[in-house]
Amino acid sequence: MSELLGCDRFFIAGGIHRDETMRDGALDPAGLEAVLAGSPVKPIAAMAALG
């Protein structure tokens, strides 16, 4: 969907998937990969939180 608009996607790991994508306050690459594996939309970047 975003591809049609020409928009990049950005994943905030500290949201609803924080238990799967964060470990000790930092991004967990394996958890992030697992959460995004089933998604048709792929982000260009990820971070723990905004601000």
PDB file of N, CA and C in Angstrom:
ATOM      1  N   MET A   1       0.819  -1.185   0.000  1.00  0.00           N
ATOM      2  CA  MET A   1       0.000   0.000   0.000  1.00  0.00           C
ATOM      3  C   MET A   1       0.871   1.259   0.000  1.00  0.00           C
ATOM      4  N   SER A   2       1.825   1.369   0.918  1.00  0.00           N
ATOM      5  CA  SER A   2       2.690   2.538   0.974  1.00  0.00           C
ATOM      6  C   SER A   2       3.520   2.692  -0.291  1.00  0.00           C
ATOM      7  N   GLU A   3       3.829   1.563  -0.922  1.00  0.00           N
ATOM      8  CA  GLU A   3       4.626   1.617  -2.134  1.00  0.00           C
ATOM      9  C   GLU A   3       3.910   2.438  -3.204  1.00  0.00           C
ATOM     10  N   LEU A   4       2.601   2.361  -3.230  1.00  0.00           N
ATOM     11  CA  LEU A   4       1.829   3.097  -4.214  1.00  0.00           C
ATOM     12  C   LEU A   4       1.890   4.601  -3.977  1.00  0.00           C
ATOM     13  N   LEU A   5       2.087   4.998  -2.744  1.00  0.00           N
ATOM     14  CA  LEU A   5       2.153   6.413  -2.400  1.00  0.00           C
ATOM     15  C   LEU A   5       3.573   6.956  -2.469  1.00  0.00           C
ATOM     16  N   GLY A   6       4.544   6.063  -2.636  1.00  0.00           N
ATOM     17  CA  GLY A   6       5.935   6.496  -2.663  1.00  0.00           C
ATOM     18  C   GLY A   6       6.473   6.856  -1.290  1.00  0.00           C
ATOM     19  N   CYS A   7       5.892   6.313  -0.226  1.00  0.00           N
ATOM     20  CA  CYS A   7       6.302   6.620   1.145  1.00  0.00           C
ATOM     21  C   CYS A   7       7.186   5.511   1.708  1.00  0.00           C
ATOM     22  N   ASP A   8       8.211   5.929   2.441  1.00  0.00           N
ATOM     23  CA  ASP A   8       9.018   4.954   3.160  1.00  0.00           C
ATOM     24  C   ASP A   8       8.318   4.597   4.461  1.00  0.00           C
ATOM     25  N   ARG A   9       8.602   3.400   4.988  1.00  0.00           N
ATOM     26  CA  ARG A   9       8.032   2.941   6.247  1.00  0.00           C
ATOM     27  C   ARG A   9       9.122   2.913   7.316  1.00  0.00           C
ATOM     28  N   PHE A  10       8.709   3.172   8.560  1.00  0.00           N
ATOM     29  CA  PHE A  10       9.625   3.213   9.689  1.00  0.00           C
ATOM     30  C   PHE A  10       8.972   2.458  10.839  1.00  0.00           C
ATOM     31  N   PHE A  11       9.667   1.503  11.445  1.00  0.00           N
ATOM     32  CA  PHE A  11       9.105   0.672  12.506  1.00  0.00           C
ATOM     33  C   PHE A  11       9.583   1.164  13.869  1.00  0.00           C
ATOM     34  N   ILE A  12       8.637   1.438  14.775  1.00  0.00           N
ATOM     35  CA  ILE A  12       8.950   1.811  16.155  1.00  0.00           C
ATOM     36  C   ILE A  12       8.762   0.562  17.014  1.00  0.00           C
ATOM     37  N   ALA A  13       9.866  -0.012  17.451  1.00  0.00           N
ATOM     38  CA  ALA A  13       9.845  -1.301  18.144  1.00  0.00           C
ATOM     39  C   ALA A  13       9.235  -1.246  19.541  1.00  0.00           C
ATOM     40  N   GLY A  14       9.205  -0.090  20.172  1.00  0.00           N
ATOM     41  CA  GLY A  14       8.675   0.025  21.527  1.00  0.00           C
ATOM     42  C   GLY A  14       7.164   0.108  21.597  1.00  0.00           C
ATOM     43  N   GLY A  15       6.483  -0.153  20.509  1.00  0.00           N
ATOM     44  CA  GLY A  15       5.024  -0.105  20.473  1.00  0.00           C
ATOM     45  C   GLY A  15       4.400  -1.426  20.914  1.00  0.00           C
ATOM     46  N   ILE A  16       3.344  -1.814  20.233  1.00  0.00           N
ATOM     47  CA  ILE A  16       2.600  -3.009  20.648  1.00  0.00           C
ATOM     48  C   ILE A  16       3.400  -4.300  20.521  1.00  0.00           C
ATOM     49  N   HIS A  17       4.472  -4.288  19.751  1.00  0.00           N
ATOM     50  CA  HIS A  17       5.300  -5.490  19.587  1.00  0.00           C
ATOM     51  C   HIS A  17       6.583  -5.427  20.425  1.00  0.00           C
ATOM     52  N   ARG A  18       6.624  -4.558  21.430  1.00  0.00           N
ATOM     53  CA  ARG A  18       7.857  -4.380  22.218  1.00  0.00           C
ATOM     54  C   ARG A  18       8.349  -5.661  22.879  1.00  0.00           C
ATOM     55  N   ASP A  19       7.433  -6.528  23.294  1.00  0.00           N
ATOM     56  CA  ASP A  19       7.862  -7.770  23.956  1.00  0.00           C
ATOM     57  C   ASP A  19       8.596  -8.694  22.988  1.00  0.00           C
ATOM     58  N   GLU A  20       8.265  -8.604  21.704  1.00  0.00           N
ATOM     59  CA  GLU A  20       8.916  -9.446  20.700  1.00  0.00           C
ATOM     60  C   GLU A  20      10.147  -8.779  20.082  1.00  0.00           C
ATOM     61  N   THR A  21      10.196  -7.433  20.068  1.00  0.00           N
ATOM     62  CA  THR A  21      11.245  -6.741  19.315  1.00  0.00           C
ATOM     63  C   THR A  21      12.284  -6.025  20.166  1.00  0.00           C
ATOM     64  N   MET A  22      12.111  -6.015  21.491  1.00  0.00           N
ATOM     65  CA  MET A  22      13.048  -5.329  22.379  1.00  0.00           C
ATOM     66  C   MET A  22      13.603  -6.285  23.425  1.00  0.00           C
ATOM     67  N   ARG A  23      14.885  -6.149  23.731  1.00  0.00           N
ATOM     68  CA  ARG A  23      15.537  -6.917  24.808  1.00  0.00           C
ATOM     69  C   ARG A  23      16.429  -5.960  25.577  1.00  0.00           C
ATOM     70  N   ASP A  24      16.210  -5.840  26.868  1.00  0.00           N
ATOM     71  CA  ASP A  24      17.006  -4.968  27.739  1.00  0.00           C
ATOM     72  C   ASP A  24      17.089  -3.538  27.213  1.00  0.00           C
ATOM     73  N   GLY A  25      15.964  -3.024  26.692  1.00  0.00           N
ATOM     74  CA  GLY A  25      15.907  -1.646  26.228  1.00  0.00           C
ATOM     75  C   GLY A  25      16.513  -1.380  24.863  1.00  0.00           C
ATOM     76  N   ALA A  26      16.920  -2.422  24.174  1.00  0.00           N
ATOM     77  CA  ALA A  26      17.528  -2.265  22.849  1.00  0.00           C
ATOM     78  C   ALA A  26      16.787  -3.128  21.829  1.00  0.00           C
ATOM     79  N   LEU A  27      16.925  -2.771  20.581  1.00  0.00           N
ATOM     80  CA  LEU A  27      16.323  -3.572  19.515  1.00  0.00           C
ATOM     81  C   LEU A  27      16.893  -4.981  19.504  1.00  0.00           C
ATOM     82  N   ASP A  28      16.043  -5.950  19.321  1.00  0.00           N
ATOM     83  CA  ASP A  28      16.454  -7.348  19.166  1.00  0.00           C
ATOM     84  C   ASP A  28      16.297  -7.696  17.687  1.00  0.00           C
ATOM     85  N   PRO A  29      17.400  -7.749  16.934  1.00  0.00           N
ATOM     86  CA  PRO A  29      17.309  -7.997  15.488  1.00  0.00           C
ATOM     87  C   PRO A  29      16.543  -9.266  15.121  1.00  0.00           C
ATOM     88  N   ALA A  30      16.730 -10.327  15.867  1.00  0.00           N
ATOM     89  CA  ALA A  30      16.029 -11.582  15.562  1.00  0.00           C
ATOM     90  C   ALA A  30      14.529 -11.433  15.811  1.00  0.00           C
ATOM     91  N   GLY A  31      14.159 -10.784  16.889  1.00  0.00           N
ATOM     92  CA  GLY A  31      12.753 -10.557  17.189  1.00  0.00           C
ATOM     93  C   GLY A  31      12.105  -9.635  16.169  1.00  0.00           C
ATOM     94  N   LEU A  32      12.829  -8.611  15.765  1.00  0.00           N
ATOM     95  CA  LEU A  32      12.337  -7.681  14.757  1.00  0.00           C
ATOM     96  C   LEU A  32      12.100  -8.405  13.432  1.00  0.00           C
ATOM     97  N   GLU A  33      13.047  -9.222  13.051  1.00  0.00           N
ATOM     98  CA  GLU A  33      12.910  -9.997  11.815  1.00  0.00           C
ATOM     99  C   GLU A  33      11.700 -10.931  11.878  1.00  0.00           C
ATOM    100  N   ALA A  34      11.507 -11.572  13.025  1.00  0.00           N
ATOM    101  CA  ALA A  34      10.383 -12.503  13.177  1.00  0.00           C
ATOM    102  C   ALA A  34       9.040 -11.779  13.079  1.00  0.00           C
ATOM    103  N   VAL A  35       8.919 -10.611  13.709  1.00  0.00           N
ATOM    104  CA  VAL A  35       7.667  -9.850  13.666  1.00  0.00           C
ATOM    105  C   VAL A  35       7.371  -9.377  12.248  1.00  0.00           C
ATOM    106  N   LEU A  36       8.395  -8.945  11.539  1.00  0.00           N
ATOM    107  CA  LEU A  36       8.188  -8.384  10.202  1.00  0.00           C
ATOM    108  C   LEU A  36       8.109  -9.444   9.102  1.00  0.00           C
ATOM    109  N   ALA A  37       8.460 -10.676   9.418  1.00  0.00           N
ATOM    110  CA  ALA A  37       8.491 -11.737   8.406  1.00  0.00           C
ATOM    111  C   ALA A  37       7.144 -11.937   7.716  1.00  0.00           C
ATOM    112  N   GLY A  38       6.057 -11.826   8.440  1.00  0.00           N
ATOM    113  CA  GLY A  38       4.745 -12.065   7.857  1.00  0.00           C
ATOM    114  C   GLY A  38       4.078 -10.825   7.287  1.00  0.00           C
ATOM    115  N   SER A  39       4.750  -9.696   7.338  1.00  0.00           N
ATOM    116  CA  SER A  39       4.153  -8.446   6.879  1.00  0.00           C
ATOM    117  C   SER A  39       4.490  -8.163   5.422  1.00  0.00           C
ATOM    118  N   PRO A  40       3.503  -7.766   4.626  1.00  0.00           N
ATOM    119  CA  PRO A  40       3.792  -7.410   3.241  1.00  0.00           C
ATOM    120  C   PRO A  40       4.477  -6.051   3.132  1.00  0.00           C
ATOM    121  N   VAL A  41       4.399  -5.246   4.172  1.00  0.00           N
ATOM    122  CA  VAL A  41       5.027  -3.934   4.188  1.00  0.00           C
ATOM    123  C   VAL A  41       6.344  -4.030   4.938  1.00  0.00           C
ATOM    124  N   LYS A  42       7.434  -3.648   4.284  1.00  0.00           N
ATOM    125  CA  LYS A  42       8.767  -3.726   4.903  1.00  0.00           C
ATOM    126  C   LYS A  42       9.303  -2.333   5.191  1.00  0.00           C
ATOM    127  N   PRO A  43       9.661  -2.061   6.467  1.00  0.00           N
ATOM    128  CA  PRO A  43      10.209  -0.745   6.811  1.00  0.00           C
ATOM    129  C   PRO A  43      11.647  -0.592   6.310  1.00  0.00           C
ATOM    130  N   ILE A  44      12.056   0.652   6.102  1.00  0.00           N
ATOM    131  CA  ILE A  44      13.437   0.926   5.700  1.00  0.00           C
ATOM    132  C   ILE A  44      14.334   1.063   6.909  1.00  0.00           C
ATOM    133  N   ALA A  45      13.742   1.267   8.107  1.00  0.00           N
ATOM    134  CA  ALA A  45      14.522   1.434   9.327  1.00  0.00           C
ATOM    135  C   ALA A  45      13.645   1.113  10.533  1.00  0.00           C
ATOM    136  N   ALA A  46      14.300   0.941  11.678  1.00  0.00           N
ATOM    137  CA  ALA A  46      13.581   0.690  12.922  1.00  0.00           C
ATOM    138  C   ALA A  46      14.332   1.369  14.062  1.00  0.00           C
ATOM    139  N   MET A  47      13.596   1.741  15.092  1.00  0.00           N
ATOM    140  CA  MET A  47      14.218   2.288  16.299  1.00  0.00           C
ATOM    141  C   MET A  47      13.344   1.926  17.493  1.00  0.00           C
ATOM    142  N   ALA A  48      13.913   2.034  18.686  1.00  0.00           N
ATOM    143  CA  ALA A  48      13.206   1.622  19.896  1.00  0.00           C
ATOM    144  C   ALA A  48      12.007   2.510  20.198  1.00  0.00           C
ATOM    145  N   ALA A  49      12.165   3.822  20.093  1.00  0.00           N
ATOM    146  CA  ALA A  49      11.081   4.753  20.426  1.00  0.00           C
ATOM    147  C   ALA A  49      11.325   6.096  19.741  1.00  0.00           C
ATOM    148  N   LEU A  50      10.269   6.872  19.642  1.00  0.00           N
ATOM    149  CA  LEU A  50      10.406   8.246  19.159  1.00  0.00           C
ATOM    150  C   LEU A  50      10.692   9.141  20.351  1.00  0.00           C
ATOM    151  N   GLY A  51      11.557  10.075  20.136  1.00  0.00           N
ATOM    152  CA  GLY A  51      11.808  11.065  21.192  1.00  0.00           C
ATOM    153  C   GLY A  51      12.849  10.690  22.097  1.00  0.00           C
TER     154      GLY A  51
END
